[in-house]
C-alpha cells in the first residue's frame, strides 16, 4: 500500500509539472507587430498579411495596423506612431515592438526611430518598397501635399533623415525592394546602409503587400 501511495504521489507531481510548464510559445512570446501603410493607403492594406501572420502563430491581439492622415508631414505621423507604440507596449506588456512599413510608411517610421527615441522601443524594422532616398515621381503631388513633397530626393526632410547613420540604434533593419516597382524610382532608393537589403524580383509596388513570397520573407525575418 505504501509503495502504491508513493507511486501515486510521484505521478501526481509529474502531472502537476506538465500542467504548469509553459509552452514554447508562452515562454517566448513574439513581439507585437505594428503595420504602417504608405501614401494613399490605409490600415486595410494589411488585411492579407495580418491573416498570414495569424496563420503562422501570431496572436491577433499582438498585431496592429496604423491609420493616419497622409496629408500631414511625415514628422507629424512619426509622432502619432510614437503614441501608438507606447500604447501597444502598455496594452501588451511587451518591452519592444516590431514595425513593418510599406512605401511612405518607411519614412515616418524611420523618423520615429531616428529622432523620437524609437530605437529603445523597437526590436526589428521592415521596409517594403520604401522611398528611403526619395522617388522622382513626386512632382505629381508635391505641390499640394506635404508628405508627398517630403519624398522628393532633394527634400530637406530626406536630407535630415539620411544624414549620418541611416540605421541607428540596436534595431535590426531589413528592406525588400523590387526591380519592377513603378512608384519607387530609382528602384534602389529603398536600400539602406546598415540594413539587410533583399531584392524580391519583379513585383509591382502595391503587390508587395499581398505577395505570398514577400509575406513569407517578412515573417521569417521577424522570427529569426
N, C-alpha and C. Protein backbone atom coordinates (compact mmCIF):
# COMPACT_ATOMS: atom_id res chain seq x y z
N UNK A 1 0.83 -1.21 0.00
CA UNK A 1 0.00 0.00 0.00
C UNK A 1 0.87 1.27 0.00
N UNK A 2 1.93 1.24 0.86
CA UNK A 2 2.81 2.40 0.90
C UNK A 2 3.49 2.63 -0.45
N UNK A 3 3.86 1.49 -1.11
CA UNK A 3 4.51 1.61 -2.42
C UNK A 3 3.56 2.23 -3.44
N UNK A 4 2.30 1.78 -3.41
CA UNK A 4 1.30 2.32 -4.34
C UNK A 4 1.06 3.80 -4.09
N UNK A 5 1.00 4.14 -2.79
CA UNK A 5 0.79 5.54 -2.44
C UNK A 5 1.94 6.41 -2.92
N UNK A 6 3.16 5.86 -2.81
CA UNK A 6 4.33 6.60 -3.27
C UNK A 6 4.33 6.80 -4.76
N UNK A 7 3.94 5.76 -5.50
CA UNK A 7 3.87 5.87 -6.95
C UNK A 7 2.82 6.89 -7.37
N UNK A 8 1.66 6.85 -6.66
CA UNK A 8 0.58 7.78 -6.97
C UNK A 8 1.03 9.22 -6.72
N UNK A 9 1.75 9.41 -5.61
CA UNK A 9 2.24 10.75 -5.28
C UNK A 9 3.22 11.25 -6.34
N UNK A 10 4.11 10.38 -6.79
CA UNK A 10 5.09 10.75 -7.82
C UNK A 10 4.40 11.10 -9.13
N UNK A 11 3.38 10.29 -9.48
CA UNK A 11 2.64 10.53 -10.72
C UNK A 11 1.94 11.88 -10.68
N UNK A 12 1.33 12.19 -9.53
CA UNK A 12 0.64 13.48 -9.40
C UNK A 12 1.62 14.65 -9.55
N UNK A 13 2.82 14.47 -8.98
CA UNK A 13 3.83 15.52 -9.08
C UNK A 13 4.25 15.75 -10.52
N UNK A 14 4.42 14.66 -11.28
CA UNK A 14 4.79 14.77 -12.69
C UNK A 14 3.69 15.46 -13.48
N UNK A 15 2.43 15.05 -13.23
CA UNK A 15 1.30 15.66 -13.93
C UNK A 15 1.21 17.15 -13.63
N UNK A 16 1.47 17.51 -12.37
CA UNK A 16 1.44 18.93 -12.00
C UNK A 16 2.48 19.71 -12.77
N UNK A 17 3.66 19.12 -12.94
CA UNK A 17 4.71 19.79 -13.70
C UNK A 17 4.31 19.97 -15.15
N UNK A 18 3.63 18.97 -15.72
CA UNK A 18 3.20 19.04 -17.11
C UNK A 18 2.19 20.14 -17.30
N UNK A 19 1.25 20.28 -16.34
CA UNK A 19 0.20 21.28 -16.45
C UNK A 19 0.77 22.69 -16.30
N UNK A 20 1.72 22.85 -15.37
CA UNK A 20 2.23 24.18 -15.06
C UNK A 20 3.25 24.67 -16.07
N UNK A 21 4.04 23.77 -16.63
CA UNK A 21 5.12 24.17 -17.53
C UNK A 21 4.58 24.94 -18.72
N UNK A 22 5.12 26.12 -19.04
CA UNK A 22 4.64 26.91 -20.17
C UNK A 22 5.04 26.29 -21.49
N UNK A 23 4.20 26.52 -22.50
CA UNK A 23 4.53 26.07 -23.84
C UNK A 23 5.64 26.94 -24.38
N UNK A 24 6.36 26.48 -25.42
CA UNK A 24 7.40 27.33 -26.02
C UNK A 24 6.87 28.67 -26.45
N UNK A 25 5.63 28.71 -26.99
CA UNK A 25 5.06 29.97 -27.45
C UNK A 25 4.84 30.91 -26.28
N UNK A 26 4.37 30.34 -25.13
CA UNK A 26 4.15 31.17 -23.95
C UNK A 26 5.47 31.65 -23.37
N UNK A 27 6.49 30.76 -23.41
CA UNK A 27 7.78 31.08 -22.80
C UNK A 27 8.50 32.19 -23.56
N UNK A 28 8.30 32.26 -24.85
CA UNK A 28 8.99 33.27 -25.66
C UNK A 28 7.99 33.86 -26.65
N UNK A 29 7.03 34.64 -26.14
CA UNK A 29 6.00 35.22 -26.99
C UNK A 29 6.62 36.25 -27.93
N UNK A 30 6.12 36.26 -29.15
CA UNK A 30 6.68 37.15 -30.16
C UNK A 30 6.34 38.60 -29.88
N UNK A 31 7.21 39.48 -30.39
CA UNK A 31 6.95 40.91 -30.26
C UNK A 31 5.63 41.27 -30.92
N UNK A 32 4.90 42.25 -30.38
CA UNK A 32 3.78 42.80 -31.13
C UNK A 32 4.30 43.42 -32.43
N UNK A 33 3.47 43.42 -33.45
CA UNK A 33 3.86 43.98 -34.75
C UNK A 33 2.93 45.13 -35.09
N UNK A 34 3.52 46.26 -35.46
CA UNK A 34 2.75 47.41 -35.92
C UNK A 34 3.00 47.58 -37.41
N UNK A 35 1.92 47.58 -38.19
CA UNK A 35 1.99 47.71 -39.64
C UNK A 35 1.67 49.16 -40.02
N UNK A 36 2.54 49.77 -40.81
CA UNK A 36 2.39 51.19 -41.17
C UNK A 36 2.21 51.31 -42.68
N UNK A 37 1.05 51.78 -43.10
CA UNK A 37 0.75 51.86 -44.54
C UNK A 37 1.47 53.03 -45.19
N UNK A 38 1.34 53.12 -46.49
CA UNK A 38 2.02 54.15 -47.25
C UNK A 38 1.10 55.24 -47.76
N UNK A 39 1.61 56.00 -48.72
CA UNK A 39 0.87 57.12 -49.31
C UNK A 39 -0.39 56.61 -50.00
N UNK A 40 -1.51 57.26 -49.71
CA UNK A 40 -2.83 56.89 -50.23
C UNK A 40 -3.27 55.48 -49.80
N UNK A 41 -2.64 54.96 -48.76
CA UNK A 41 -3.02 53.65 -48.25
C UNK A 41 -3.89 53.77 -47.02
N UNK A 42 -4.09 52.65 -46.35
CA UNK A 42 -4.88 52.62 -45.13
C UNK A 42 -4.60 51.33 -44.38
N UNK A 43 -5.15 51.22 -43.18
CA UNK A 43 -4.93 50.03 -42.36
C UNK A 43 -5.37 48.77 -43.09
N UNK A 44 -6.38 48.90 -43.94
CA UNK A 44 -6.91 47.75 -44.68
C UNK A 44 -5.87 47.14 -45.63
N UNK A 45 -4.86 47.90 -45.99
CA UNK A 45 -3.80 47.37 -46.87
C UNK A 45 -3.18 46.09 -46.32
N UNK A 46 -3.23 45.95 -45.00
CA UNK A 46 -2.52 44.87 -44.34
C UNK A 46 -3.38 43.64 -44.06
N UNK A 47 -4.62 43.63 -44.52
CA UNK A 47 -5.52 42.52 -44.18
C UNK A 47 -4.94 41.16 -44.56
N UNK A 48 -4.40 41.05 -45.76
CA UNK A 48 -3.86 39.76 -46.21
C UNK A 48 -2.64 39.36 -45.39
N UNK A 49 -1.74 40.30 -45.16
CA UNK A 49 -0.53 39.94 -44.43
C UNK A 49 -0.83 39.62 -42.97
N UNK A 50 -1.76 40.35 -42.37
CA UNK A 50 -2.14 40.05 -40.99
C UNK A 50 -2.74 38.65 -40.90
N UNK A 51 -3.54 38.27 -41.89
CA UNK A 51 -4.09 36.91 -41.92
C UNK A 51 -2.96 35.88 -41.99
N UNK A 52 -1.93 36.18 -42.77
CA UNK A 52 -0.77 35.28 -42.86
C UNK A 52 -0.07 35.16 -41.51
N UNK A 53 0.08 36.29 -40.82
CA UNK A 53 0.73 36.27 -39.52
C UNK A 53 -0.05 35.42 -38.52
N UNK A 54 -1.37 35.58 -38.52
CA UNK A 54 -2.19 34.79 -37.60
C UNK A 54 -2.07 33.30 -37.89
N UNK A 55 -2.08 32.95 -39.18
CA UNK A 55 -1.95 31.55 -39.56
C UNK A 55 -0.58 30.98 -39.19
N UNK A 56 0.39 31.87 -39.03
CA UNK A 56 1.76 31.45 -38.71
C UNK A 56 2.05 31.53 -37.21
N UNK A 57 1.01 31.72 -36.41
CA UNK A 57 1.19 31.63 -34.96
C UNK A 57 1.16 32.91 -34.17
N UNK A 58 1.09 34.07 -34.85
CA UNK A 58 0.99 35.32 -34.11
C UNK A 58 -0.41 35.47 -33.54
N UNK A 59 -0.52 35.97 -32.34
CA UNK A 59 -1.82 36.26 -31.74
C UNK A 59 -2.40 37.51 -32.37
N UNK A 60 -3.70 37.46 -32.68
CA UNK A 60 -4.35 38.63 -33.25
C UNK A 60 -4.28 39.84 -32.34
N UNK A 61 -4.17 39.60 -31.04
CA UNK A 61 -4.08 40.68 -30.08
C UNK A 61 -2.72 41.35 -30.02
N UNK A 62 -1.79 40.87 -30.85
CA UNK A 62 -0.45 41.47 -30.91
C UNK A 62 -0.12 41.98 -32.31
N UNK A 63 -1.17 42.17 -33.13
CA UNK A 63 -1.00 42.68 -34.49
C UNK A 63 -1.82 43.96 -34.63
N UNK A 64 -1.19 45.05 -35.03
CA UNK A 64 -1.84 46.36 -35.05
C UNK A 64 -1.54 47.07 -36.36
N UNK A 65 -2.58 47.52 -37.05
CA UNK A 65 -2.42 48.28 -38.29
C UNK A 65 -2.72 49.75 -38.02
N UNK A 66 -1.76 50.59 -38.26
CA UNK A 66 -1.89 52.02 -38.00
C UNK A 66 -2.67 52.72 -39.11
N UNK A 67 -3.44 53.73 -38.73
CA UNK A 67 -4.10 54.61 -39.70
C UNK A 67 -3.63 56.04 -39.45
N UNK A 68 -3.49 56.82 -40.51
CA UNK A 68 -3.09 58.21 -40.33
C UNK A 68 -3.50 59.03 -41.54
N UNK A 69 -3.49 60.34 -41.37
CA UNK A 69 -3.83 61.29 -42.43
C UNK A 69 -2.60 61.52 -43.30
N UNK A 70 -2.66 61.08 -44.55
CA UNK A 70 -1.48 61.14 -45.42
C UNK A 70 -1.13 62.57 -45.84
N UNK A 71 -2.02 63.53 -45.59
CA UNK A 71 -1.73 64.91 -45.99
C UNK A 71 -0.81 65.60 -44.98
N UNK A 72 -0.62 65.00 -43.83
CA UNK A 72 0.23 65.59 -42.80
C UNK A 72 1.70 65.32 -43.11
N UNK A 73 2.57 66.09 -42.48
CA UNK A 73 4.00 65.84 -42.61
C UNK A 73 4.35 64.49 -42.01
N UNK A 74 5.36 63.85 -42.58
CA UNK A 74 5.82 62.59 -42.01
C UNK A 74 6.34 62.76 -40.59
N UNK A 75 6.76 63.96 -40.23
CA UNK A 75 7.19 64.22 -38.86
C UNK A 75 6.00 64.13 -37.90
N UNK A 76 4.86 64.65 -38.33
CA UNK A 76 3.64 64.57 -37.52
C UNK A 76 3.18 63.12 -37.39
N UNK A 77 3.24 62.40 -38.50
CA UNK A 77 2.84 60.98 -38.49
C UNK A 77 3.77 60.18 -37.59
N UNK A 78 5.06 60.52 -37.60
CA UNK A 78 6.02 59.83 -36.73
C UNK A 78 5.66 60.01 -35.26
N UNK A 79 5.21 61.20 -34.89
CA UNK A 79 4.80 61.44 -33.51
C UNK A 79 3.57 60.61 -33.15
N UNK A 80 2.66 60.45 -34.12
CA UNK A 80 1.48 59.60 -33.89
C UNK A 80 1.90 58.14 -33.73
N UNK A 81 2.90 57.73 -34.49
CA UNK A 81 3.41 56.36 -34.37
C UNK A 81 4.02 56.15 -32.98
N UNK A 82 4.74 57.14 -32.49
CA UNK A 82 5.31 57.03 -31.14
C UNK A 82 4.21 56.79 -30.11
N UNK A 83 3.11 57.52 -30.22
CA UNK A 83 1.99 57.34 -29.31
C UNK A 83 1.41 55.94 -29.42
N UNK A 84 1.30 55.44 -30.65
CA UNK A 84 0.76 54.09 -30.86
C UNK A 84 1.69 53.04 -30.27
N UNK A 85 2.99 53.18 -30.50
CA UNK A 85 3.95 52.21 -29.96
C UNK A 85 3.85 52.17 -28.43
N UNK A 86 3.79 53.34 -27.81
CA UNK A 86 3.68 53.39 -26.35
C UNK A 86 2.40 52.72 -25.87
N UNK A 87 1.31 52.94 -26.60
CA UNK A 87 0.03 52.33 -26.26
C UNK A 87 0.07 50.81 -26.40
N UNK A 88 0.67 50.33 -27.48
CA UNK A 88 0.76 48.89 -27.72
C UNK A 88 1.63 48.22 -26.65
N UNK A 89 2.72 48.85 -26.30
CA UNK A 89 3.59 48.28 -25.26
C UNK A 89 2.86 48.21 -23.92
N UNK A 90 2.10 49.26 -23.60
CA UNK A 90 1.35 49.26 -22.34
C UNK A 90 0.24 48.21 -22.36
N UNK A 91 -0.42 48.07 -23.50
CA UNK A 91 -1.53 47.13 -23.64
C UNK A 91 -1.07 45.68 -23.57
N UNK A 92 0.07 45.39 -24.19
CA UNK A 92 0.54 44.01 -24.29
C UNK A 92 1.57 43.63 -23.23
N UNK A 93 2.16 44.63 -22.60
CA UNK A 93 3.21 44.36 -21.63
C UNK A 93 4.55 44.06 -22.27
N UNK A 94 4.65 44.24 -23.59
CA UNK A 94 5.89 43.94 -24.31
C UNK A 94 6.91 45.06 -24.10
N UNK A 95 8.17 44.67 -24.03
CA UNK A 95 9.23 45.66 -23.89
C UNK A 95 9.46 46.40 -25.20
N UNK A 96 9.34 45.67 -26.32
CA UNK A 96 9.58 46.26 -27.63
C UNK A 96 8.57 45.73 -28.64
N UNK A 97 8.46 46.44 -29.76
CA UNK A 97 7.59 46.02 -30.86
C UNK A 97 8.42 45.87 -32.12
N UNK A 98 7.84 45.22 -33.12
CA UNK A 98 8.40 45.20 -34.47
C UNK A 98 7.55 46.10 -35.35
N UNK A 99 8.16 46.71 -36.35
CA UNK A 99 7.44 47.56 -37.30
C UNK A 99 7.63 47.02 -38.71
N UNK A 100 6.51 46.89 -39.44
CA UNK A 100 6.53 46.53 -40.85
C UNK A 100 5.89 47.68 -41.61
N UNK A 101 6.63 48.32 -42.50
CA UNK A 101 6.16 49.51 -43.18
C UNK A 101 6.18 49.33 -44.69
N UNK A 102 5.18 49.91 -45.35
CA UNK A 102 5.12 49.89 -46.81
C UNK A 102 5.26 51.31 -47.33
N UNK A 103 6.05 51.47 -48.39
CA UNK A 103 6.14 52.74 -49.11
C UNK A 103 6.48 53.89 -48.16
N UNK A 104 5.66 54.96 -48.16
CA UNK A 104 5.95 56.13 -47.34
C UNK A 104 5.97 55.82 -45.85
N UNK A 105 5.30 54.74 -45.45
CA UNK A 105 5.35 54.34 -44.05
C UNK A 105 6.77 54.08 -43.57
N UNK A 106 7.65 53.77 -44.51
CA UNK A 106 9.05 53.57 -44.17
C UNK A 106 9.69 54.87 -43.69
N UNK A 107 9.25 55.99 -44.25
CA UNK A 107 9.86 57.28 -43.91
C UNK A 107 9.42 57.77 -42.54
N UNK A 108 8.10 57.78 -42.29
CA UNK A 108 7.67 58.27 -40.98
C UNK A 108 8.10 57.35 -39.85
N UNK A 109 8.18 56.04 -40.11
CA UNK A 109 8.65 55.13 -39.06
C UNK A 109 10.15 55.29 -38.82
N UNK A 110 10.91 55.59 -39.88
CA UNK A 110 12.35 55.86 -39.70
C UNK A 110 12.56 57.16 -38.93
N UNK A 111 11.72 58.15 -39.19
CA UNK A 111 11.84 59.42 -38.45
C UNK A 111 11.59 59.17 -36.96
N UNK A 112 10.61 58.36 -36.67
CA UNK A 112 10.34 57.98 -35.28
C UNK A 112 11.55 57.31 -34.65
N UNK A 113 12.16 56.38 -35.37
CA UNK A 113 13.32 55.67 -34.85
C UNK A 113 14.50 56.61 -34.61
N UNK A 114 14.74 57.49 -35.57
CA UNK A 114 15.96 58.31 -35.53
C UNK A 114 15.85 59.53 -34.62
N UNK A 115 14.66 60.16 -34.60
CA UNK A 115 14.56 61.44 -33.92
C UNK A 115 13.61 61.48 -32.72
N UNK A 116 12.79 60.44 -32.55
CA UNK A 116 11.79 60.47 -31.47
C UNK A 116 11.99 59.35 -30.46
N UNK A 117 13.20 58.83 -30.39
CA UNK A 117 13.51 57.83 -29.37
C UNK A 117 13.02 56.43 -29.64
N UNK A 118 12.64 56.16 -30.87
CA UNK A 118 12.04 54.86 -31.19
C UNK A 118 12.97 53.67 -31.08
N UNK A 119 14.28 53.90 -31.16
CA UNK A 119 15.20 52.76 -31.14
C UNK A 119 15.16 52.01 -29.80
N UNK A 120 14.70 52.66 -28.74
CA UNK A 120 14.62 52.00 -27.45
C UNK A 120 13.36 51.15 -27.30
N UNK A 121 12.42 51.32 -28.23
CA UNK A 121 11.14 50.61 -28.13
C UNK A 121 10.87 49.67 -29.30
N UNK A 122 11.80 49.62 -30.27
CA UNK A 122 11.60 48.80 -31.46
C UNK A 122 12.72 47.77 -31.57
N UNK A 123 12.34 46.54 -31.81
CA UNK A 123 13.30 45.44 -31.92
C UNK A 123 13.73 45.25 -33.38
N UNK A 124 12.74 45.18 -34.29
CA UNK A 124 13.02 44.92 -35.70
C UNK A 124 12.14 45.83 -36.57
N UNK A 125 12.71 46.23 -37.72
CA UNK A 125 12.01 47.15 -38.63
C UNK A 125 12.15 46.61 -40.05
N UNK A 126 11.02 46.60 -40.77
CA UNK A 126 10.98 46.08 -42.14
C UNK A 126 10.39 47.14 -43.06
N UNK A 127 11.03 47.34 -44.21
CA UNK A 127 10.53 48.27 -45.22
C UNK A 127 10.20 47.50 -46.49
N UNK A 128 8.97 47.68 -46.99
CA UNK A 128 8.55 47.10 -48.27
C UNK A 128 8.43 48.24 -49.28
N UNK A 129 9.33 48.29 -50.23
CA UNK A 129 9.25 49.33 -51.26
C UNK A 129 9.25 50.74 -50.71
N UNK A 130 10.09 51.00 -49.74
CA UNK A 130 10.14 52.34 -49.15
C UNK A 130 10.98 53.30 -49.98
N UNK A 131 10.51 54.54 -50.18
CA UNK A 131 11.30 55.54 -50.91
C UNK A 131 12.34 56.17 -49.98
N UNK A 132 13.22 55.34 -49.45
CA UNK A 132 14.13 55.79 -48.40
C UNK A 132 15.10 56.87 -48.85
N UNK A 133 15.36 56.93 -50.15
CA UNK A 133 16.18 58.01 -50.69
C UNK A 133 15.39 58.83 -51.71
N UNK A 134 14.07 58.73 -51.63
CA UNK A 134 13.20 59.52 -52.48
C UNK A 134 12.78 58.82 -53.76
N UNK A 135 11.83 59.44 -54.44
CA UNK A 135 11.38 58.94 -55.74
C UNK A 135 11.14 60.13 -56.66
N UNK A 136 11.46 59.98 -57.93
CA UNK A 136 11.34 61.10 -58.86
C UNK A 136 9.92 61.30 -59.38
N UNK A 137 8.94 60.60 -58.80
CA UNK A 137 7.55 60.76 -59.21
C UNK A 137 6.80 61.80 -58.38
N UNK A 138 7.46 62.42 -57.41
CA UNK A 138 6.77 63.34 -56.52
C UNK A 138 6.21 64.61 -57.17
N UNK A 139 6.69 65.07 -58.33
CA UNK A 139 6.10 66.29 -58.90
C UNK A 139 4.60 66.20 -59.14
N UNK A 140 4.05 65.01 -59.24
CA UNK A 140 2.61 64.88 -59.50
C UNK A 140 1.78 65.21 -58.27
N UNK A 141 2.39 65.30 -57.09
CA UNK A 141 1.59 65.57 -55.88
C UNK A 141 2.26 66.53 -54.91
N UNK A 142 3.53 66.83 -55.09
CA UNK A 142 4.27 67.59 -54.08
C UNK A 142 3.78 69.03 -53.93
N UNK A 143 3.17 69.59 -54.96
CA UNK A 143 2.70 70.97 -54.89
C UNK A 143 1.50 71.11 -53.98
N UNK A 144 0.87 69.98 -53.63
CA UNK A 144 -0.38 70.01 -52.87
C UNK A 144 -0.27 69.37 -51.49
N UNK A 145 0.55 68.34 -51.35
CA UNK A 145 0.57 67.53 -50.13
C UNK A 145 1.97 67.49 -49.54
N UNK A 146 2.09 67.87 -48.28
CA UNK A 146 3.39 67.97 -47.61
C UNK A 146 4.13 66.64 -47.60
N UNK A 147 3.43 65.57 -47.23
CA UNK A 147 4.11 64.27 -47.12
C UNK A 147 4.67 63.82 -48.45
N UNK A 148 3.98 64.17 -49.54
CA UNK A 148 4.47 63.81 -50.86
C UNK A 148 5.73 64.60 -51.19
N UNK A 149 5.72 65.89 -50.89
CA UNK A 149 6.91 66.72 -51.14
C UNK A 149 8.11 66.19 -50.38
N UNK A 150 7.87 65.61 -49.22
CA UNK A 150 8.97 65.08 -48.41
C UNK A 150 9.61 63.84 -49.03
N UNK A 151 8.94 63.23 -50.00
CA UNK A 151 9.50 62.06 -50.67
C UNK A 151 10.38 62.43 -51.86
N UNK A 152 10.49 63.71 -52.17
CA UNK A 152 11.38 64.14 -53.25
C UNK A 152 12.82 63.88 -52.85
N UNK A 153 13.64 63.38 -53.77
CA UNK A 153 15.03 63.03 -53.43
C UNK A 153 15.83 64.17 -52.81
N UNK A 154 15.50 65.42 -53.18
CA UNK A 154 16.26 66.56 -52.67
C UNK A 154 15.55 67.29 -51.54
N UNK A 155 14.55 66.67 -50.92
CA UNK A 155 13.81 67.35 -49.86
C UNK A 155 14.66 67.50 -48.61
N UNK A 156 14.41 68.56 -47.85
CA UNK A 156 15.14 68.75 -46.59
C UNK A 156 14.81 67.64 -45.61
N UNK A 157 13.60 67.11 -45.70
CA UNK A 157 13.19 66.00 -44.84
C UNK A 157 14.11 64.80 -45.04
N UNK A 158 14.33 64.41 -46.29
CA UNK A 158 15.18 63.25 -46.57
C UNK A 158 16.65 63.54 -46.29
N UNK A 159 17.06 64.77 -46.50
CA UNK A 159 18.45 65.10 -46.18
C UNK A 159 18.71 64.90 -44.68
N UNK A 160 17.77 65.34 -43.86
CA UNK A 160 17.92 65.16 -42.41
C UNK A 160 17.82 63.69 -42.03
N UNK A 161 16.87 62.99 -42.64
CA UNK A 161 16.64 61.59 -42.28
C UNK A 161 17.84 60.71 -42.63
N UNK A 162 18.49 61.01 -43.75
CA UNK A 162 19.59 60.16 -44.23
C UNK A 162 20.97 60.66 -43.84
N UNK A 163 21.03 61.77 -43.13
CA UNK A 163 22.33 62.29 -42.69
C UNK A 163 22.91 61.37 -41.62
N UNK A 164 24.19 61.08 -41.73
CA UNK A 164 24.83 60.23 -40.73
C UNK A 164 24.36 58.79 -40.84
N UNK A 165 24.03 58.20 -39.72
CA UNK A 165 23.66 56.78 -39.65
C UNK A 165 22.24 56.58 -40.17
N UNK A 166 22.09 55.80 -41.23
CA UNK A 166 20.75 55.54 -41.79
C UNK A 166 19.99 54.49 -41.00
N UNK A 167 20.69 53.71 -40.20
CA UNK A 167 20.05 52.63 -39.43
C UNK A 167 20.52 52.71 -37.98
N UNK A 168 20.05 53.69 -37.23
CA UNK A 168 20.56 53.93 -35.88
C UNK A 168 20.10 52.92 -34.84
N UNK A 169 20.85 52.87 -33.75
CA UNK A 169 20.46 52.07 -32.60
C UNK A 169 20.70 50.59 -32.78
N UNK A 170 20.13 49.80 -31.88
CA UNK A 170 20.29 48.36 -31.91
C UNK A 170 19.19 47.63 -32.64
N UNK A 171 18.39 48.35 -33.40
CA UNK A 171 17.29 47.77 -34.18
C UNK A 171 17.85 46.93 -35.33
N UNK A 172 17.20 45.80 -35.64
CA UNK A 172 17.54 45.03 -36.84
C UNK A 172 16.73 45.60 -38.01
N UNK A 173 17.42 46.02 -39.06
CA UNK A 173 16.77 46.66 -40.21
C UNK A 173 16.79 45.72 -41.42
N UNK A 174 15.64 45.61 -42.09
CA UNK A 174 15.51 44.78 -43.29
C UNK A 174 14.69 45.54 -44.32
N UNK A 175 15.20 45.64 -45.55
CA UNK A 175 14.40 46.22 -46.63
C UNK A 175 14.16 45.17 -47.72
N UNK A 176 12.99 45.26 -48.34
CA UNK A 176 12.67 44.44 -49.50
C UNK A 176 12.34 45.38 -50.66
N UNK A 177 13.00 45.19 -51.79
CA UNK A 177 12.80 46.08 -52.92
C UNK A 177 12.63 45.27 -54.20
N UNK A 178 11.99 45.90 -55.17
CA UNK A 178 11.68 45.24 -56.44
C UNK A 178 12.26 46.02 -57.60
N UNK A 179 12.76 45.31 -58.60
CA UNK A 179 13.25 45.98 -59.80
C UNK A 179 12.12 46.27 -60.79
N UNK A 180 10.87 46.02 -60.37
CA UNK A 180 9.71 46.37 -61.20
C UNK A 180 8.78 47.32 -60.45
N UNK A 181 9.29 48.03 -59.47
CA UNK A 181 8.47 48.95 -58.67
C UNK A 181 8.23 50.22 -59.47
N UNK A 182 7.00 50.43 -59.88
CA UNK A 182 6.67 51.55 -60.75
C UNK A 182 6.59 52.88 -60.02
N UNK A 183 6.55 52.86 -58.69
CA UNK A 183 6.44 54.10 -57.93
C UNK A 183 7.73 54.53 -57.26
N UNK A 184 8.66 53.62 -57.10
CA UNK A 184 9.95 53.96 -56.49
C UNK A 184 11.00 54.02 -57.58
N UNK A 185 11.40 55.23 -57.92
CA UNK A 185 12.40 55.45 -58.98
C UNK A 185 13.52 56.36 -58.48
N UNK A 186 14.74 55.88 -58.48
CA UNK A 186 15.17 54.55 -58.93
C UNK A 186 14.77 53.46 -57.94
N UNK A 187 14.71 52.23 -58.43
CA UNK A 187 14.31 51.10 -57.58
C UNK A 187 15.17 50.98 -56.34
N UNK A 188 16.46 51.26 -56.48
CA UNK A 188 17.42 51.07 -55.39
C UNK A 188 17.27 52.11 -54.28
N UNK A 189 16.32 53.03 -54.43
CA UNK A 189 16.09 54.04 -53.39
C UNK A 189 15.76 53.41 -52.05
N UNK A 190 15.18 52.22 -52.08
CA UNK A 190 14.76 51.55 -50.85
C UNK A 190 15.95 51.12 -49.99
N UNK A 191 17.07 50.81 -50.60
CA UNK A 191 18.21 50.24 -49.88
C UNK A 191 18.77 51.21 -48.84
N UNK A 192 19.15 50.66 -47.68
CA UNK A 192 19.72 51.46 -46.61
C UNK A 192 21.08 50.92 -46.19
N UNK A 193 21.99 51.81 -45.93
CA UNK A 193 23.29 51.41 -45.39
C UNK A 193 23.10 50.89 -43.97
N UNK A 194 23.60 49.69 -43.71
CA UNK A 194 23.46 49.10 -42.39
C UNK A 194 22.30 48.15 -42.25
N UNK A 195 21.45 48.07 -43.30
CA UNK A 195 20.32 47.14 -43.29
C UNK A 195 20.65 45.92 -44.12
N UNK A 196 19.87 44.87 -43.95
CA UNK A 196 19.89 43.75 -44.89
C UNK A 196 18.92 44.11 -46.00
N UNK A 197 19.41 44.23 -47.23
CA UNK A 197 18.60 44.68 -48.36
C UNK A 197 18.38 43.52 -49.32
N UNK A 198 17.12 43.16 -49.55
CA UNK A 198 16.79 41.97 -50.33
C UNK A 198 15.94 42.32 -51.54
N UNK A 199 16.41 41.93 -52.73
CA UNK A 199 15.65 42.10 -53.96
C UNK A 199 14.66 40.95 -54.07
N UNK A 200 13.36 41.26 -54.15
CA UNK A 200 12.34 40.22 -54.21
C UNK A 200 11.93 39.88 -55.64
N UNK A 201 12.63 40.45 -56.62
CA UNK A 201 12.30 40.15 -58.01
C UNK A 201 11.32 41.15 -58.58
N UNK A 202 10.62 40.74 -59.62
CA UNK A 202 9.73 41.64 -60.35
C UNK A 202 8.33 41.63 -59.73
N UNK A 203 8.11 42.51 -58.76
CA UNK A 203 6.81 42.64 -58.10
C UNK A 203 6.44 44.12 -58.09
N UNK A 204 5.23 44.44 -58.52
CA UNK A 204 4.80 45.84 -58.54
C UNK A 204 4.61 46.36 -57.11
N UNK A 205 4.59 47.68 -56.99
CA UNK A 205 4.61 48.35 -55.68
C UNK A 205 3.51 47.85 -54.74
N UNK A 206 2.26 47.92 -55.18
CA UNK A 206 1.15 47.53 -54.30
C UNK A 206 1.13 46.04 -54.02
N UNK A 207 1.65 45.26 -54.96
CA UNK A 207 1.64 43.80 -54.79
C UNK A 207 2.62 43.33 -53.73
N UNK A 208 3.53 44.19 -53.31
CA UNK A 208 4.40 43.83 -52.20
C UNK A 208 3.59 43.54 -50.94
N UNK A 209 2.41 44.13 -50.84
CA UNK A 209 1.55 43.95 -49.68
C UNK A 209 0.85 42.60 -49.65
N UNK A 210 0.67 41.99 -50.81
CA UNK A 210 -0.14 40.76 -50.88
C UNK A 210 0.62 39.58 -51.47
N UNK A 211 1.88 39.77 -51.78
CA UNK A 211 2.69 38.69 -52.35
C UNK A 211 2.98 37.63 -51.29
N UNK A 212 2.64 36.38 -51.58
CA UNK A 212 2.93 35.30 -50.64
C UNK A 212 4.43 35.16 -50.36
N UNK A 213 5.28 35.15 -51.40
CA UNK A 213 6.72 35.04 -51.12
C UNK A 213 7.26 36.18 -50.24
N UNK A 214 6.76 37.40 -50.46
CA UNK A 214 7.20 38.52 -49.64
C UNK A 214 6.74 38.34 -48.20
N UNK A 215 5.49 37.93 -48.04
CA UNK A 215 4.96 37.69 -46.70
C UNK A 215 5.78 36.66 -45.95
N UNK A 216 6.15 35.60 -46.64
CA UNK A 216 6.98 34.56 -46.02
C UNK A 216 8.32 35.14 -45.58
N UNK A 217 8.92 35.97 -46.45
CA UNK A 217 10.22 36.57 -46.12
C UNK A 217 10.11 37.46 -44.89
N UNK A 218 9.06 38.25 -44.82
CA UNK A 218 8.88 39.15 -43.68
C UNK A 218 8.74 38.35 -42.39
N UNK A 219 7.89 37.34 -42.41
CA UNK A 219 7.68 36.54 -41.20
C UNK A 219 8.93 35.76 -40.80
N UNK A 220 9.65 35.27 -41.79
CA UNK A 220 10.90 34.55 -41.49
C UNK A 220 11.91 35.48 -40.83
N UNK A 221 12.00 36.70 -41.35
CA UNK A 221 12.93 37.67 -40.75
C UNK A 221 12.55 37.98 -39.31
N UNK A 222 11.27 38.23 -39.06
CA UNK A 222 10.85 38.59 -37.71
C UNK A 222 11.00 37.44 -36.72
N UNK A 223 10.95 36.22 -37.23
CA UNK A 223 11.11 35.05 -36.35
C UNK A 223 12.56 34.67 -36.13
N UNK A 224 13.46 35.21 -36.93
CA UNK A 224 14.86 34.78 -36.87
C UNK A 224 15.61 35.40 -35.69
